[in-house]
N, C-alpha and C. Protein backbone atom coordinates (compact mmCIF):
# COMPACT_ATOMS: atom_id res chain seq x y z
N UNK A 1 0.87 -1.23 -0.05
CA UNK A 1 0.02 0.04 0.03
C UNK A 1 0.93 1.31 -0.05
N UNK A 2 1.94 1.37 0.80
CA UNK A 2 2.81 2.36 0.90
C UNK A 2 3.52 2.59 -0.40
N UNK A 3 3.86 1.45 -1.12
CA UNK A 3 4.65 1.56 -2.24
C UNK A 3 3.71 2.10 -3.33
N UNK A 4 2.59 1.78 -3.33
CA UNK A 4 1.64 2.24 -4.34
C UNK A 4 1.32 3.84 -4.21
N UNK A 5 1.17 4.21 -2.89
CA UNK A 5 1.00 5.67 -2.63
C UNK A 5 2.23 6.39 -3.08
N UNK A 6 3.46 5.92 -2.79
CA UNK A 6 4.66 6.63 -3.10
C UNK A 6 4.79 6.51 -4.64
N UNK A 7 4.36 5.53 -5.29
CA UNK A 7 4.47 5.49 -6.81
C UNK A 7 3.50 6.58 -7.37
N UNK A 8 2.15 6.75 -6.77
CA UNK A 8 1.36 7.75 -7.38
C UNK A 8 1.88 9.16 -7.15
N UNK A 9 2.54 9.40 -5.95
CA UNK A 9 3.18 10.71 -5.72
C UNK A 9 4.30 10.94 -6.60
N UNK A 10 5.06 9.98 -6.96
CA UNK A 10 6.23 10.06 -7.91
C UNK A 10 5.61 10.30 -9.29
N UNK A 11 4.51 9.80 -9.74
CA UNK A 11 3.84 10.00 -11.01
C UNK A 11 3.43 11.40 -11.11
N UNK A 12 2.98 12.02 -10.08
CA UNK A 12 2.53 13.34 -9.97
C UNK A 12 3.67 14.23 -10.30
N UNK A 13 4.72 14.02 -9.60
CA UNK A 13 6.09 14.83 -9.65
C UNK A 13 6.56 14.76 -11.03
N UNK A 14 6.78 13.55 -11.60
CA UNK A 14 7.21 13.30 -12.88
C UNK A 14 6.24 14.10 -13.96
N UNK A 15 4.95 13.92 -13.80
CA UNK A 15 3.95 14.62 -14.73
C UNK A 15 4.17 16.07 -14.54
N UNK A 16 4.78 16.62 -13.50
CA UNK A 16 4.83 18.04 -13.32
C UNK A 16 6.03 18.78 -14.05
N UNK A 17 6.86 17.93 -14.36
CA UNK A 17 8.09 18.27 -15.24
C UNK A 17 7.56 19.17 -16.51
N UNK A 18 7.89 20.37 -16.52
CA UNK A 18 7.44 21.15 -17.87
C UNK A 18 8.31 21.15 -19.01
N UNK A 19 8.40 19.97 -19.61
CA UNK A 19 9.31 19.83 -20.71
C UNK A 19 9.34 20.85 -21.80
N UNK A 20 8.13 21.41 -22.13
CA UNK A 20 8.08 22.40 -23.05
C UNK A 20 8.81 23.72 -22.64
N UNK A 21 8.72 24.02 -21.38
CA UNK A 21 9.56 25.19 -20.85
C UNK A 21 11.00 24.87 -20.87
N UNK A 22 11.38 23.68 -20.49
CA UNK A 22 12.68 23.31 -20.34
C UNK A 22 13.43 23.32 -21.72
N UNK A 23 12.66 22.70 -22.72
CA UNK A 23 13.28 22.64 -23.94
C UNK A 23 13.41 24.01 -24.66
N UNK A 24 12.37 24.68 -24.53
CA UNK A 24 12.28 26.16 -25.21
C UNK A 24 13.32 26.97 -24.56
N UNK A 25 13.54 26.94 -23.31
CA UNK A 25 14.43 27.97 -22.71
C UNK A 25 15.84 27.51 -22.78
N UNK A 26 16.03 26.09 -22.86
CA UNK A 26 17.43 25.69 -22.97
C UNK A 26 18.01 25.78 -24.42
N UNK A 27 17.15 25.42 -25.41
CA UNK A 27 17.63 25.29 -26.75
C UNK A 27 17.29 26.40 -27.66
N UNK A 28 16.29 27.19 -27.18
CA UNK A 28 15.88 28.23 -28.01
C UNK A 28 15.97 29.55 -27.35
N UNK A 29 16.33 29.63 -26.12
CA UNK A 29 16.27 30.87 -25.35
C UNK A 29 14.97 31.62 -25.29
N UNK A 30 13.79 30.86 -25.30
CA UNK A 30 12.51 31.41 -25.33
C UNK A 30 11.61 30.87 -24.14
N UNK A 31 10.88 31.80 -23.54
CA UNK A 31 9.99 31.27 -22.54
C UNK A 31 8.63 31.17 -23.14
N UNK A 32 7.95 29.94 -23.35
CA UNK A 32 6.81 29.76 -24.14
C UNK A 32 5.70 30.46 -23.27
N UNK A 33 5.77 30.60 -22.09
CA UNK A 33 4.73 31.20 -21.26
C UNK A 33 4.65 32.84 -21.67
N UNK A 34 5.48 33.36 -22.47
CA UNK A 34 5.35 34.74 -22.81
C UNK A 34 5.07 35.05 -24.12
N UNK A 35 4.91 33.99 -25.03
CA UNK A 35 4.74 34.21 -26.40
C UNK A 35 3.73 33.18 -27.04
N UNK A 36 3.29 33.35 -28.18
CA UNK A 36 2.36 32.54 -28.98
C UNK A 36 1.07 32.57 -28.09
N UNK A 37 0.69 31.23 -27.68
CA UNK A 37 -0.59 31.06 -26.88
C UNK A 37 -0.18 30.98 -25.43
N UNK A 38 1.04 31.22 -25.05
CA UNK A 38 1.53 31.39 -23.77
C UNK A 38 1.34 29.95 -23.04
N UNK A 39 1.44 28.99 -23.76
CA UNK A 39 1.35 27.55 -23.31
C UNK A 39 2.77 26.84 -23.43
N UNK A 40 2.96 25.85 -22.49
CA UNK A 40 4.24 25.14 -22.56
C UNK A 40 4.03 23.95 -23.30
N UNK A 41 2.90 23.83 -24.04
CA UNK A 41 2.72 22.63 -24.77
C UNK A 41 3.42 22.57 -26.07
N UNK A 42 3.45 21.37 -26.72
CA UNK A 42 4.13 20.90 -28.00
C UNK A 42 3.79 22.06 -29.08
N UNK A 43 2.38 22.43 -29.18
CA UNK A 43 1.89 23.14 -30.31
C UNK A 43 2.57 24.58 -30.18
N UNK A 44 2.66 25.21 -29.00
CA UNK A 44 3.27 26.59 -28.86
C UNK A 44 4.68 26.51 -29.03
N UNK A 45 5.18 25.44 -28.42
CA UNK A 45 6.85 25.33 -28.68
C UNK A 45 7.18 25.22 -30.16
N UNK A 46 6.31 24.52 -30.84
CA UNK A 46 6.60 24.28 -32.31
C UNK A 46 6.45 25.66 -32.94
N UNK A 47 5.37 26.49 -32.56
CA UNK A 47 5.23 27.85 -33.14
C UNK A 47 6.41 28.63 -32.96
N UNK A 48 7.06 28.63 -31.57
CA UNK A 48 8.05 29.56 -31.26
C UNK A 48 9.44 29.17 -31.57
N UNK A 49 9.72 27.89 -31.52
CA UNK A 49 10.95 27.28 -31.68
C UNK A 49 11.25 26.41 -32.97
N UNK A 50 10.17 26.08 -33.59
CA UNK A 50 10.28 25.19 -34.68
C UNK A 50 9.61 23.84 -34.57
N UNK A 51 9.44 23.01 -35.64
CA UNK A 51 8.70 21.89 -35.64
C UNK A 51 9.42 20.91 -34.80
N UNK A 52 10.74 20.73 -34.95
CA UNK A 52 11.46 19.69 -34.29
C UNK A 52 11.46 19.80 -32.89
N UNK A 53 11.53 20.90 -32.28
CA UNK A 53 11.43 21.19 -30.74
C UNK A 53 9.99 20.92 -30.33
N UNK A 54 8.97 21.09 -31.19
CA UNK A 54 7.70 20.79 -30.74
C UNK A 54 7.44 19.25 -30.68
N UNK A 55 8.03 18.56 -31.65
CA UNK A 55 7.94 17.13 -31.62
C UNK A 55 8.77 16.64 -30.35
N UNK A 56 9.85 17.17 -30.09
CA UNK A 56 10.66 16.74 -28.86
C UNK A 56 9.83 16.93 -27.64
N UNK A 57 9.20 18.06 -27.61
CA UNK A 57 8.29 18.47 -26.38
C UNK A 57 7.05 17.38 -26.27
N UNK A 58 6.50 17.12 -27.50
CA UNK A 58 5.38 16.07 -27.47
C UNK A 58 5.92 14.73 -27.10
N UNK A 59 7.09 14.37 -27.46
CA UNK A 59 7.52 12.90 -26.95
C UNK A 59 7.81 12.91 -25.53
N UNK A 60 8.41 14.11 -25.05
CA UNK A 60 8.70 13.94 -23.59
C UNK A 60 7.40 13.94 -22.69
N UNK A 61 6.35 14.77 -23.18
CA UNK A 61 5.07 14.74 -22.52
C UNK A 61 4.48 13.47 -22.54
N UNK A 62 4.49 12.86 -23.65
CA UNK A 62 3.87 11.47 -23.77
C UNK A 62 4.52 10.37 -22.83
N UNK A 63 5.89 10.51 -22.93
CA UNK A 63 6.70 9.63 -22.04
C UNK A 63 6.45 9.84 -20.53
N UNK A 64 6.27 10.93 -20.14
CA UNK A 64 6.11 11.21 -18.75
C UNK A 64 4.69 10.67 -18.23
N UNK A 65 3.75 10.55 -19.09
CA UNK A 65 2.57 9.64 -18.87
C UNK A 65 2.68 8.17 -19.12
N UNK A 66 3.52 7.79 -19.99
CA UNK A 66 3.50 6.31 -20.33
C UNK A 66 4.45 5.55 -19.23
N UNK A 67 5.67 6.13 -18.84
CA UNK A 67 6.50 5.49 -18.09
C UNK A 67 5.97 5.06 -16.68
N UNK A 68 5.37 6.12 -16.02
CA UNK A 68 4.76 5.60 -14.70
C UNK A 68 3.72 4.75 -14.74
N UNK A 69 2.86 4.71 -15.85
CA UNK A 69 1.76 3.72 -15.95
C UNK A 69 2.42 2.39 -16.33
N UNK A 70 3.50 2.28 -17.04
CA UNK A 70 4.11 0.98 -17.30
C UNK A 70 4.52 0.40 -16.06
N UNK A 71 5.22 1.27 -15.12
CA UNK A 71 5.70 0.92 -13.92
C UNK A 71 4.58 0.54 -13.02
N UNK A 72 3.46 1.18 -12.98
CA UNK A 72 2.35 0.81 -12.24
C UNK A 72 1.74 -0.55 -12.59
N UNK A 73 1.75 -0.87 -13.83
CA UNK A 73 1.27 -2.23 -14.26
C UNK A 73 2.21 -3.42 -13.86
N UNK A 74 3.61 -3.03 -13.61
CA UNK A 74 4.48 -4.00 -13.15
C UNK A 74 4.31 -4.13 -11.57
N UNK A 75 4.02 -3.10 -10.92
CA UNK A 75 3.91 -3.24 -9.47
C UNK A 75 2.55 -3.87 -9.09
N UNK A 76 1.44 -3.56 -9.71
CA UNK A 76 0.12 -4.18 -9.58
C UNK A 76 -0.78 -3.97 -10.66
N UNK A 77 -1.57 -5.05 -11.29
CA UNK A 77 -2.41 -4.77 -12.19
C UNK A 77 -3.72 -4.16 -11.83
N UNK A 78 -3.92 -3.77 -10.68
CA UNK A 78 -5.15 -3.29 -10.08
C UNK A 78 -5.62 -2.06 -10.91
N UNK A 79 -6.79 -2.08 -11.57
CA UNK A 79 -7.20 -1.00 -12.42
C UNK A 79 -7.25 0.36 -11.69
N UNK A 80 -7.69 0.29 -10.38
CA UNK A 80 -7.70 1.46 -9.47
C UNK A 80 -6.37 2.07 -9.33
N UNK A 81 -5.42 1.27 -8.86
CA UNK A 81 -4.06 1.70 -8.77
C UNK A 81 -3.34 2.33 -10.09
N UNK A 82 -3.57 1.63 -11.12
CA UNK A 82 -3.04 2.03 -12.41
C UNK A 82 -3.81 3.31 -12.80
N UNK A 83 -5.05 3.42 -12.65
CA UNK A 83 -5.87 4.65 -13.05
C UNK A 83 -5.30 5.78 -12.22
N UNK A 84 -5.21 5.67 -11.00
CA UNK A 84 -4.82 6.69 -10.04
C UNK A 84 -3.38 7.23 -10.46
N UNK A 85 -2.42 6.33 -10.88
CA UNK A 85 -1.28 6.69 -11.38
C UNK A 85 -1.34 7.50 -12.68
N UNK A 86 -2.19 7.02 -13.59
CA UNK A 86 -2.15 7.75 -14.77
C UNK A 86 -2.85 9.11 -14.55
N UNK A 87 -3.85 9.14 -13.61
CA UNK A 87 -4.53 10.46 -13.42
C UNK A 87 -3.56 11.46 -12.57
N UNK A 88 -2.71 10.85 -11.90
CA UNK A 88 -1.65 11.69 -11.22
C UNK A 88 -0.62 12.32 -12.10
N UNK A 89 -0.29 11.53 -13.09
CA UNK A 89 0.57 12.06 -14.24
C UNK A 89 -0.02 13.24 -14.90
N UNK A 90 -1.28 13.17 -15.29
CA UNK A 90 -1.90 14.17 -15.98
C UNK A 90 -2.20 15.43 -15.16
N UNK A 91 -2.67 15.10 -13.83
CA UNK A 91 -2.87 16.29 -12.93
C UNK A 91 -1.47 17.07 -12.77
N UNK A 92 -0.32 16.26 -12.65
CA UNK A 92 0.91 16.92 -12.47
C UNK A 92 1.25 17.86 -13.73
N UNK A 93 0.88 17.36 -14.93
CA UNK A 93 1.11 18.07 -16.15
C UNK A 93 0.20 19.45 -16.09
N UNK A 94 -1.02 19.25 -15.62
CA UNK A 94 -2.05 20.48 -15.73
C UNK A 94 -1.74 21.36 -14.47
N UNK A 95 -1.28 20.83 -13.32
CA UNK A 95 -1.13 21.62 -12.22
C UNK A 95 0.32 21.36 -11.62
N UNK A 96 1.17 21.81 -12.41
CA UNK A 96 2.76 21.56 -12.18
C UNK A 96 3.10 22.05 -10.85
N UNK A 97 3.77 21.27 -9.97
CA UNK A 97 4.37 21.80 -8.75
C UNK A 97 5.56 22.59 -9.03
N UNK A 98 6.12 22.58 -10.30
CA UNK A 98 7.39 23.39 -10.57
C UNK A 98 6.93 24.69 -11.26
N UNK A 99 5.57 24.88 -11.50
CA UNK A 99 5.25 26.26 -12.16
C UNK A 99 3.99 26.84 -11.43
N UNK A 100 4.12 26.80 -10.08
CA UNK A 100 2.97 27.40 -9.26
C UNK A 100 1.63 26.78 -9.54
N UNK A 101 1.67 25.48 -9.86
CA UNK A 101 0.43 24.69 -10.04
C UNK A 101 -0.32 25.18 -11.29
N UNK A 102 0.37 25.67 -12.31
CA UNK A 102 -0.14 25.85 -13.61
C UNK A 102 0.44 24.87 -14.54
N UNK A 103 0.05 24.82 -15.74
CA UNK A 103 0.59 23.87 -16.56
C UNK A 103 -0.11 23.72 -17.97
N UNK A 104 -0.10 22.60 -18.53
CA UNK A 104 -0.42 22.40 -19.90
C UNK A 104 -1.92 21.93 -20.00
N UNK A 105 -2.28 21.39 -21.26
CA UNK A 105 -3.71 21.16 -21.45
C UNK A 105 -4.05 19.68 -21.57
N UNK A 106 -3.07 18.87 -21.02
CA UNK A 106 -3.41 17.41 -20.59
C UNK A 106 -3.25 16.46 -21.76
N UNK A 107 -3.28 16.82 -23.05
CA UNK A 107 -3.64 15.95 -24.10
C UNK A 107 -2.38 14.92 -24.26
N UNK A 108 -1.16 15.50 -24.47
CA UNK A 108 -0.10 14.71 -24.74
C UNK A 108 0.21 13.60 -23.66
N UNK A 109 0.02 14.14 -22.39
CA UNK A 109 0.37 13.23 -21.24
C UNK A 109 -0.76 12.15 -21.16
N UNK A 110 -2.07 12.56 -21.52
CA UNK A 110 -3.17 11.58 -21.66
C UNK A 110 -2.88 10.57 -22.60
N UNK A 111 -2.29 10.93 -23.81
CA UNK A 111 -1.88 9.95 -24.88
C UNK A 111 -0.90 9.06 -24.19
N UNK A 112 0.10 9.47 -23.52
CA UNK A 112 1.13 8.65 -22.86
C UNK A 112 0.55 7.71 -21.91
N UNK A 113 -0.47 8.15 -21.05
CA UNK A 113 -1.13 7.26 -20.09
C UNK A 113 -1.69 6.09 -20.78
N UNK A 114 -2.45 6.31 -21.87
CA UNK A 114 -3.22 5.28 -22.51
C UNK A 114 -2.29 4.35 -23.41
N UNK A 115 -1.02 4.80 -23.65
CA UNK A 115 -0.21 4.02 -24.59
C UNK A 115 -0.04 2.57 -24.14
N UNK A 116 0.19 2.36 -22.80
CA UNK A 116 0.31 0.94 -22.44
C UNK A 116 -0.99 0.35 -22.06
N UNK A 117 -1.94 1.12 -22.02
CA UNK A 117 -3.33 0.49 -21.49
C UNK A 117 -4.21 0.05 -22.62
N UNK A 118 -4.37 0.90 -23.69
CA UNK A 118 -5.35 0.60 -24.75
C UNK A 118 -4.68 1.07 -26.09
N UNK A 119 -3.72 0.34 -26.49
CA UNK A 119 -2.98 0.84 -27.58
C UNK A 119 -3.71 1.06 -28.85
N UNK A 120 -4.51 -0.09 -29.27
CA UNK A 120 -5.16 0.12 -30.54
C UNK A 120 -6.31 1.01 -30.53
N UNK A 121 -6.97 1.20 -29.48
CA UNK A 121 -8.04 2.07 -29.22
C UNK A 121 -7.42 3.43 -29.36
N UNK A 122 -6.31 3.80 -28.70
CA UNK A 122 -5.60 5.10 -28.73
C UNK A 122 -5.16 5.34 -30.10
N UNK A 123 -4.68 4.46 -30.81
CA UNK A 123 -4.18 4.55 -32.16
C UNK A 123 -5.29 5.15 -33.13
N UNK A 124 -6.47 4.36 -32.98
CA UNK A 124 -7.61 4.89 -33.85
C UNK A 124 -8.04 6.17 -33.48
N UNK A 125 -8.07 6.66 -32.14
CA UNK A 125 -8.44 7.92 -31.77
C UNK A 125 -7.32 8.96 -32.23
N UNK A 126 -6.08 8.54 -32.16
CA UNK A 126 -5.04 9.51 -32.62
C UNK A 126 -5.23 9.73 -34.13
N UNK A 127 -5.46 8.80 -34.84
CA UNK A 127 -5.49 8.78 -36.29
C UNK A 127 -6.81 9.77 -36.67
N UNK A 128 -7.79 9.56 -35.87
CA UNK A 128 -8.88 10.48 -36.14
C UNK A 128 -8.48 11.96 -35.67
N UNK A 129 -7.81 12.18 -34.73
CA UNK A 129 -7.34 13.47 -34.16
C UNK A 129 -6.61 14.09 -35.37
N UNK A 130 -5.71 13.34 -35.90
CA UNK A 130 -4.79 13.94 -36.87
C UNK A 130 -5.65 14.31 -38.17
N UNK A 131 -6.68 13.43 -38.54
CA UNK A 131 -7.36 13.67 -39.59
C UNK A 131 -8.24 15.03 -39.45
N UNK A 132 -8.74 15.19 -38.27
CA UNK A 132 -9.45 16.47 -37.94
C UNK A 132 -8.49 17.76 -37.96
N UNK A 133 -7.26 17.49 -37.47
CA UNK A 133 -6.33 18.59 -37.50
C UNK A 133 -6.11 19.02 -38.97
N UNK A 134 -5.71 17.88 -39.80
CA UNK A 134 -5.51 18.12 -41.23
C UNK A 134 -6.64 18.74 -41.85
N UNK A 135 -7.85 18.45 -41.62
CA UNK A 135 -8.95 18.95 -42.33
C UNK A 135 -9.26 20.44 -41.87
N UNK A 136 -9.30 20.47 -40.53
CA UNK A 136 -9.69 21.82 -39.97
C UNK A 136 -8.52 22.81 -39.61
N UNK A 137 -7.26 22.32 -39.46
CA UNK A 137 -6.12 22.97 -39.07
C UNK A 137 -6.17 23.53 -37.74
N UNK A 138 -7.02 23.01 -36.92
CA UNK A 138 -7.07 23.44 -35.47
C UNK A 138 -6.56 22.29 -34.61
N UNK A 139 -5.57 22.44 -33.80
CA UNK A 139 -5.09 21.37 -32.93
C UNK A 139 -6.00 21.07 -31.85
N UNK A 140 -6.63 22.15 -31.26
CA UNK A 140 -7.46 22.01 -30.26
C UNK A 140 -8.73 21.21 -30.67
N UNK A 141 -9.23 21.39 -31.78
CA UNK A 141 -10.29 20.40 -32.21
C UNK A 141 -10.09 18.96 -32.41
N UNK A 142 -8.84 18.76 -32.91
CA UNK A 142 -8.34 17.40 -32.89
C UNK A 142 -8.12 16.78 -31.61
N UNK A 143 -7.63 17.57 -30.67
CA UNK A 143 -7.40 17.15 -29.31
C UNK A 143 -8.75 16.90 -28.53
N UNK A 144 -9.71 17.48 -28.81
CA UNK A 144 -11.08 17.40 -28.25
C UNK A 144 -11.65 16.00 -28.89
N UNK A 145 -11.46 15.94 -30.16
CA UNK A 145 -11.89 14.80 -30.93
C UNK A 145 -11.26 13.52 -30.24
N UNK A 146 -9.98 13.42 -30.02
CA UNK A 146 -9.24 12.19 -29.48
C UNK A 146 -9.95 11.79 -28.15
N UNK A 147 -10.11 12.84 -27.27
CA UNK A 147 -10.48 12.40 -25.89
C UNK A 147 -11.96 12.07 -25.96
N UNK A 148 -12.78 12.60 -26.83
CA UNK A 148 -14.15 12.24 -26.92
C UNK A 148 -14.27 10.84 -27.56
N UNK A 149 -13.50 10.44 -28.59
CA UNK A 149 -13.67 9.33 -29.27
C UNK A 149 -13.10 7.97 -28.46
N UNK A 150 -11.96 8.33 -27.61
CA UNK A 150 -11.40 7.25 -26.94
C UNK A 150 -12.38 6.47 -25.97
N UNK A 151 -13.10 7.13 -25.15
CA UNK A 151 -13.98 6.44 -24.29
C UNK A 151 -15.08 5.46 -25.00
N UNK A 152 -15.46 6.12 -26.25
CA UNK A 152 -16.47 5.30 -27.00
C UNK A 152 -15.75 4.08 -27.61
N UNK A 153 -14.58 4.20 -27.98
CA UNK A 153 -13.82 3.02 -28.48
C UNK A 153 -13.60 2.02 -27.35
N UNK A 154 -13.32 2.45 -26.23
CA UNK A 154 -13.06 1.54 -25.07
C UNK A 154 -14.35 0.84 -24.64
N UNK A 155 -15.47 1.60 -24.74
CA UNK A 155 -16.68 1.01 -24.46
C UNK A 155 -17.15 0.00 -25.45
N UNK A 156 -17.06 0.22 -26.76
CA UNK A 156 -17.46 -0.73 -27.70
C UNK A 156 -16.55 -1.89 -27.91
N UNK A 157 -15.30 -1.77 -27.53
CA UNK A 157 -14.32 -2.92 -27.57
C UNK A 157 -14.42 -3.64 -26.24
N UNK A 158 -15.12 -3.34 -25.30
CA UNK A 158 -15.24 -4.04 -24.06
C UNK A 158 -14.10 -3.84 -23.15
N UNK A 159 -13.23 -2.80 -23.29
CA UNK A 159 -12.21 -2.64 -22.40
C UNK A 159 -12.70 -1.65 -21.30
N UNK A 160 -13.42 -2.14 -20.36
CA UNK A 160 -14.13 -1.20 -19.47
C UNK A 160 -13.31 -0.87 -18.29
N UNK A 161 -12.15 -1.54 -18.15
CA UNK A 161 -11.36 -1.18 -16.88
C UNK A 161 -10.80 0.25 -16.83
N UNK A 162 -10.52 0.69 -18.12
CA UNK A 162 -9.97 2.12 -18.20
C UNK A 162 -10.96 3.18 -18.63
N UNK A 163 -12.22 2.78 -18.74
CA UNK A 163 -13.29 3.67 -18.99
C UNK A 163 -13.39 4.87 -18.11
N UNK A 164 -13.59 4.59 -16.69
CA UNK A 164 -13.56 5.70 -15.83
C UNK A 164 -12.39 6.76 -15.98
N UNK A 165 -11.19 6.24 -16.12
CA UNK A 165 -9.98 6.99 -16.33
C UNK A 165 -10.24 7.90 -17.59
N UNK A 166 -10.67 7.25 -18.71
CA UNK A 166 -10.67 8.05 -19.98
C UNK A 166 -11.82 9.02 -19.76
N UNK A 167 -12.83 8.84 -19.01
CA UNK A 167 -13.88 9.86 -18.78
C UNK A 167 -13.36 11.00 -18.00
N UNK A 168 -12.66 10.69 -16.92
CA UNK A 168 -11.94 11.75 -16.18
C UNK A 168 -11.05 12.77 -17.03
N UNK A 169 -10.35 12.07 -17.79
CA UNK A 169 -9.44 12.88 -18.73
C UNK A 169 -10.22 13.66 -19.64
N UNK A 170 -11.33 13.17 -20.30
CA UNK A 170 -12.12 13.85 -21.10
C UNK A 170 -12.62 15.17 -20.46
N UNK A 171 -13.21 14.95 -19.24
CA UNK A 171 -13.67 16.16 -18.60
C UNK A 171 -12.38 17.21 -18.28
N UNK A 172 -11.37 16.66 -18.03
CA UNK A 172 -10.18 17.53 -17.75
C UNK A 172 -9.81 18.38 -18.92
N UNK A 173 -9.64 17.54 -19.96
CA UNK A 173 -9.19 18.16 -21.21
C UNK A 173 -10.12 19.22 -21.67
N UNK A 174 -11.45 19.01 -21.70
CA UNK A 174 -12.53 19.83 -22.07
C UNK A 174 -12.46 21.06 -21.17
N UNK A 175 -12.22 20.91 -19.89
CA UNK A 175 -12.14 22.11 -18.97
C UNK A 175 -10.89 22.98 -19.36
N UNK A 176 -9.70 22.28 -19.63
CA UNK A 176 -8.55 23.08 -20.00
C UNK A 176 -8.77 23.82 -21.42
N UNK A 177 -9.57 23.24 -22.32
CA UNK A 177 -9.80 23.76 -23.57
C UNK A 177 -11.05 24.72 -23.56
N UNK A 178 -11.44 25.14 -22.50
CA UNK A 178 -12.84 25.79 -22.52
C UNK A 178 -12.69 27.16 -23.32
N UNK A 179 -11.52 27.76 -23.17
CA UNK A 179 -11.33 29.08 -23.96
C UNK A 179 -11.32 28.68 -25.47
N UNK A 180 -10.55 27.63 -25.78
CA UNK A 180 -10.36 27.21 -27.15
C UNK A 180 -11.76 26.93 -27.80
N UNK A 181 -12.66 26.19 -26.89
CA UNK A 181 -13.89 25.91 -27.43
C UNK A 181 -14.74 27.10 -27.72
N UNK A 182 -14.69 28.05 -26.89
CA UNK A 182 -15.39 29.44 -27.20
C UNK A 182 -14.89 30.11 -28.52
N UNK A 183 -13.51 29.93 -28.64
CA UNK A 183 -13.01 30.50 -29.91
C UNK A 183 -13.41 29.76 -31.11
N UNK A 184 -13.49 28.40 -30.90
CA UNK A 184 -13.92 27.57 -32.14
C UNK A 184 -15.45 27.94 -32.46
N UNK A 185 -16.17 28.20 -31.48
CA UNK A 185 -17.67 28.46 -31.61
C UNK A 185 -17.82 29.85 -32.43
N UNK A 186 -16.89 30.74 -32.05
CA UNK A 186 -17.00 32.15 -32.43
C UNK A 186 -16.11 32.41 -33.76
N UNK A 187 -15.43 31.32 -34.23
CA UNK A 187 -14.53 31.54 -35.39
C UNK A 187 -13.27 32.24 -35.20
N UNK A 188 -12.79 32.42 -33.92
CA UNK A 188 -11.67 33.14 -33.67
C UNK A 188 -10.49 32.31 -33.36
N UNK A 189 -10.56 31.04 -33.27
CA UNK A 189 -9.43 30.25 -32.84
C UNK A 189 -8.39 30.27 -33.97
N UNK A 190 -7.07 30.21 -33.41
CA UNK A 190 -6.00 30.44 -34.31
C UNK A 190 -5.62 29.10 -34.92
N UNK A 191 -5.57 29.00 -36.23
CA UNK A 191 -5.20 27.66 -36.88
C UNK A 191 -3.70 27.45 -36.72
N UNK A 192 -3.34 26.12 -36.51
CA UNK A 192 -1.87 25.75 -36.50
C UNK A 192 -1.07 26.09 -37.75
N UNK A 193 -1.89 25.76 -39.02
CA UNK A 193 -1.27 26.02 -40.28
C UNK A 193 -2.38 26.92 -41.03
N UNK A 194 -1.80 27.92 -41.68
CA UNK A 194 -2.77 28.83 -42.46
C UNK A 194 -3.14 28.06 -43.75
N UNK A 195 -4.42 28.27 -44.12
CA UNK A 195 -4.91 27.53 -45.20
C UNK A 195 -4.19 28.23 -46.61
N UNK A 196 -3.86 27.25 -47.53
CA UNK A 196 -3.26 27.78 -48.59
C UNK A 196 -4.23 28.62 -49.56
N UNK A 197 -5.46 28.49 -49.22
CA UNK A 197 -6.51 29.09 -50.14
C UNK A 197 -6.70 30.60 -49.57
N UNK A 198 -6.04 30.93 -48.44
CA UNK A 198 -6.30 32.26 -47.84
C UNK A 198 -5.01 33.12 -48.25
N UNK A 199 -5.35 34.41 -48.59
CA UNK A 199 -4.21 35.21 -48.96
C UNK A 199 -3.67 35.99 -47.79
């Protein structure tokens, strides 16, 4: 029991590491909190520092969700313990103890959490996410698509153990994207890539 509690606490601390801030400041001399969308996430790092650094941020944010969950599965296959570990990772990302309990929007770390838990369902949701981003050019819309579709895929494929976790993360991601949702509804959301048809 103590081991599990310590592991969950460690997952929160690991999830709190703001890799976007570390990468942008170390390699680009830029604080992503003061430019672009003021986010430390991969999309903003990509805008400010270049696509490669955005990808590096994405990978780090995914790994800080995946590694603690893999470890939790090795310690105990209990769905409650593993789910709390995954949730702790994402809460650390969103409410980082290294950034005055502020942080990112939970998507990349949520992907990492589900990587060891429901790979094929996650893959389908991620492909739909990329399709939406490609068609709409809005990363936020793709992210919302991913977390909406994932619980449905878990439900219909009978993988119910991780359904409560996916629903918790859905609510968290939507809450963190509430301003993006308003901008999407009002047509003022910033596209990741400008349409070639626009001058």
